[in-house]
Amino acid sequence: WKDSDAFNRFRGFDWMREPCRSCPEHEKDFGGCRCQAYMLTGNACNTDPVCSLSPHHDVVTAAITTGAADRVDELVFRNPRNSKRLAGRSRDGEIIATGRRWQ
C-alpha cells in the first residue's frame, strides 16, 4: 500500500490533468476514481468520467441512457435454479434456446 508505484503515482495533486488540476473540488474528491477512469477511458490518468467536467463524461451519460432504455420490470435473485435459467440451461444442464424471459 505505502510502497506501491501504482498507488504512489496518484497520491497528491501533481499527477492531475485539467480540468481536475484547477477544479476547486480536487482537494475533496482527489480527482475522482482512478479505476473508473481506466475502465471507461482506458487511461487511469484521465479525469473520472463520472464528473460532469470530464471530457469523457459522454461515456457515462450514454450508459445511463442505454440502461434506462433496457430497464427490467423485476429483479431476479440469484440462486442455483435462477442461475441456470439465466445462463440458458435447464436443471439437468440441457441448453435452453427459447429466447424468452423466465418468470
C-alpha atoms as a PDB file:
ATOM      1  CA  TRP A   1       0.000   0.000   0.000  1.00  0.00           C
ATOM      2  CA  LYS A   2       2.680   2.526   1.045  1.00  0.00           C
ATOM      3  CA  ASP A   3       5.393   1.344  -1.335  1.00  0.00           C
ATOM      4  CA  SER A   4       3.280   0.611  -4.407  1.00  0.00           C
ATOM      5  CA  ASP A   5       4.367   2.533  -7.511  1.00  0.00           C
ATOM      6  CA  ALA A   6       0.814   2.355  -8.842  1.00  0.00           C
ATOM      7  CA  PHE A   7      -0.707   3.859  -5.696  1.00  0.00           C
ATOM      8  CA  ASN A   8       2.059   6.400  -5.162  1.00  0.00           C
ATOM      9  CA  ARG A   9       1.704   7.696  -8.701  1.00  0.00           C
ATOM     10  CA  PHE A  10      -1.774   9.034  -7.866  1.00  0.00           C
ATOM     11  CA  ARG A  11      -1.055  10.445  -4.407  1.00  0.00           C
ATOM     12  CA  GLY A  12      -1.132  14.208  -4.028  1.00  0.00           C
ATOM     13  CA  PHE A  13      -2.194  16.582  -6.793  1.00  0.00           C
ATOM     14  CA  ASP A  14       0.794  16.825  -9.152  1.00  0.00           C
ATOM     15  CA  TRP A  15      -0.409  13.945 -11.359  1.00  0.00           C
ATOM     16  CA  MET A  16      -3.747  15.645 -12.107  1.00  0.00           C
ATOM     17  CA  ARG A  17      -4.544  16.916 -15.571  1.00  0.00           C
ATOM     18  CA  GLU A  18      -7.064  19.598 -16.404  1.00  0.00           C
ATOM     19  CA  PRO A  19      -9.889  20.049 -15.531  1.00  0.00           C
ATOM     20  CA  CYS A  20      -9.002  18.399 -12.179  1.00  0.00           C
ATOM     21  CA  ARG A  21      -5.841  20.413 -11.588  1.00  0.00           C
ATOM     22  CA  SER A  22      -7.687  23.762 -11.411  1.00  0.00           C
ATOM     23  CA  CYS A  23     -11.010  22.445 -10.077  1.00  0.00           C
ATOM     24  CA  PRO A  24     -12.000  23.793  -6.639  1.00  0.00           C
ATOM     25  CA  GLU A  25     -13.252  20.286  -5.698  1.00  0.00           C
ATOM     26  CA  HIS A  26      -9.959  18.430  -6.268  1.00  0.00           C
ATOM     27  CA  GLU A  27      -8.990  18.593  -2.585  1.00  0.00           C
ATOM     28  CA  LYS A  28     -12.291  16.861  -1.722  1.00  0.00           C
ATOM     29  CA  ASP A  29     -12.585  14.264  -4.480  1.00  0.00           C
ATOM     30  CA  PHE A  30      -8.846  13.821  -5.260  1.00  0.00           C
ATOM     31  CA  GLY A  31      -9.624  13.727  -8.967  1.00  0.00           C
ATOM     32  CA  GLY A  32     -12.254  11.018  -8.727  1.00  0.00           C
ATOM     33  CA  CYS A  33     -11.839   7.282  -9.096  1.00  0.00           C
ATOM     34  CA  ARG A  34      -8.767   6.041 -10.983  1.00  0.00           C
ATOM     35  CA  CYS A  35     -10.395   2.650 -11.571  1.00  0.00           C
ATOM     36  CA  GLN A  36     -13.439   4.237 -13.226  1.00  0.00           C
ATOM     37  CA  ALA A  37     -11.207   6.488 -15.312  1.00  0.00           C
ATOM     38  CA  TYR A  38      -9.207   3.481 -16.503  1.00  0.00           C
ATOM     39  CA  MET A  39     -12.231   1.273 -17.098  1.00  0.00           C
ATOM     40  CA  LEU A  40     -14.205   3.875 -19.042  1.00  0.00           C
ATOM     41  CA  THR A  41     -11.411   5.718 -20.900  1.00  0.00           C
ATOM     42  CA  GLY A  42      -8.503   3.284 -20.975  1.00  0.00           C
ATOM     43  CA  ASN A  43      -6.230   5.662 -19.050  1.00  0.00           C
ATOM     44  CA  ALA A  44      -6.161   5.968 -15.266  1.00  0.00           C
ATOM     45  CA  CYS A  45      -4.713   9.497 -15.572  1.00  0.00           C
ATOM     46  CA  ASN A  46      -7.840  10.825 -17.281  1.00  0.00           C
ATOM     47  CA  THR A  47     -10.469  12.747 -15.371  1.00  0.00           C
ATOM     48  CA  ASP A  48     -13.056  10.420 -13.837  1.00  0.00           C
ATOM     49  CA  PRO A  49     -15.829  10.300 -16.480  1.00  0.00           C
ATOM     50  CA  VAL A  50     -18.492  10.465 -13.767  1.00  0.00           C
ATOM     51  CA  CYS A  51     -17.513  14.116 -13.239  1.00  0.00           C
ATOM     52  CA  SER A  52     -19.564  16.484 -15.391  1.00  0.00           C
ATOM     53  CA  LEU A  53     -16.364  18.434 -16.185  1.00  0.00           C
ATOM     54  CA  SER A  54     -14.656  15.389 -17.683  1.00  0.00           C
ATOM     55  CA  PRO A  55     -14.121  15.435 -21.462  1.00  0.00           C
ATOM     56  CA  HIS A  56     -15.244  11.775 -21.319  1.00  0.00           C
ATOM     57  CA  HIS A  57     -18.488  12.402 -19.418  1.00  0.00           C
ATOM     58  CA  ASP A  58     -20.482  11.422 -22.540  1.00  0.00           C
ATOM     59  CA  VAL A  59     -19.482   7.793 -21.888  1.00  0.00           C
ATOM     60  CA  VAL A  60     -21.368   7.894 -18.588  1.00  0.00           C
ATOM     61  CA  THR A  61     -24.408   9.743 -19.933  1.00  0.00           C
ATOM     62  CA  ALA A  62     -24.639   7.260 -22.828  1.00  0.00           C
ATOM     63  CA  ALA A  63     -24.510   4.327 -20.385  1.00  0.00           C
ATOM     64  CA  ILE A  64     -27.257   5.902 -18.283  1.00  0.00           C
ATOM     65  CA  THR A  65     -29.423   6.426 -21.363  1.00  0.00           C
ATOM     66  CA  THR A  66     -28.845   2.863 -22.541  1.00  0.00           C
ATOM     67  CA  GLY A  67     -29.510   1.494 -19.068  1.00  0.00           C
ATOM     68  CA  ALA A  68     -32.762   3.432 -18.786  1.00  0.00           C
ATOM     69  CA  ALA A  69     -33.911   2.044 -22.143  1.00  0.00           C
ATOM     70  CA  ASP A  70     -33.067  -1.528 -21.091  1.00  0.00           C
ATOM     71  CA  ARG A  71     -34.846  -1.240 -17.766  1.00  0.00           C
ATOM     72  CA  VAL A  72     -36.035  -4.515 -16.268  1.00  0.00           C
ATOM     73  CA  ASP A  73     -39.504  -4.916 -14.841  1.00  0.00           C
ATOM     74  CA  GLU A  74     -38.471  -7.139 -11.968  1.00  0.00           C
ATOM     75  CA  LEU A  75     -35.389  -8.267 -10.129  1.00  0.00           C
ATOM     76  CA  VAL A  76     -34.270 -11.867 -10.484  1.00  0.00           C
ATOM     77  CA  PHE A  77     -32.435 -13.020  -7.389  1.00  0.00           C
ATOM     78  CA  ARG A  78     -29.521 -15.343  -7.868  1.00  0.00           C
ATOM     79  CA  ASN A  79     -29.838 -18.897  -6.637  1.00  0.00           C
ATOM     80  CA  PRO A  80     -28.843 -22.198  -8.305  1.00  0.00           C
ATOM     81  CA  ARG A  81     -32.139 -22.532 -10.170  1.00  0.00           C
ATOM     82  CA  ASN A  82     -32.227 -18.953 -11.470  1.00  0.00           C
ATOM     83  CA  SER A  83     -28.523 -19.016 -12.344  1.00  0.00           C
ATOM     84  CA  LYS A  84     -29.093 -21.962 -14.682  1.00  0.00           C
ATOM     85  CA  ARG A  85     -32.124 -20.307 -16.203  1.00  0.00           C
ATOM     86  CA  LEU A  86     -30.294 -17.009 -16.708  1.00  0.00           C
ATOM     87  CA  ALA A  87     -27.426 -18.908 -18.325  1.00  0.00           C
ATOM     88  CA  GLY A  88     -29.880 -20.680 -20.640  1.00  0.00           C
ATOM     89  CA  ARG A  89     -29.617 -24.149 -19.126  1.00  0.00           C
ATOM     90  CA  SER A  90     -32.185 -26.434 -17.579  1.00  0.00           C
ATOM     91  CA  ARG A  91     -31.760 -28.150 -14.220  1.00  0.00           C
ATOM     92  CA  ASP A  92     -30.126 -31.138 -15.855  1.00  0.00           C
ATOM     93  CA  GLY A  93     -27.701 -28.962 -17.864  1.00  0.00           C
ATOM     94  CA  GLU A  94     -29.586 -29.098 -21.170  1.00  0.00           C
ATOM     95  CA  ILE A  95     -29.239 -25.880 -23.214  1.00  0.00           C
ATOM     96  CA  ILE A  96     -32.461 -23.920 -23.492  1.00  0.00           C
ATOM     97  CA  ALA A  97     -32.822 -21.809 -26.634  1.00  0.00           C
ATOM     98  CA  THR A  98     -36.230 -20.250 -26.205  1.00  0.00           C
ATOM     99  CA  GLY A  99     -35.175 -16.593 -26.104  1.00  0.00           C
ATOM    100  CA  ARG A 100     -37.959 -15.774 -23.652  1.00  0.00           C
ATOM    101  CA  ARG A 101     -37.694 -14.292 -20.195  1.00  0.00           C
ATOM    102  CA  TRP A 102     -38.158 -16.636 -17.291  1.00  0.00           C
ATOM    103  CA  GLN A 103     -40.901 -15.867 -14.828  1.00  0.00           C
END
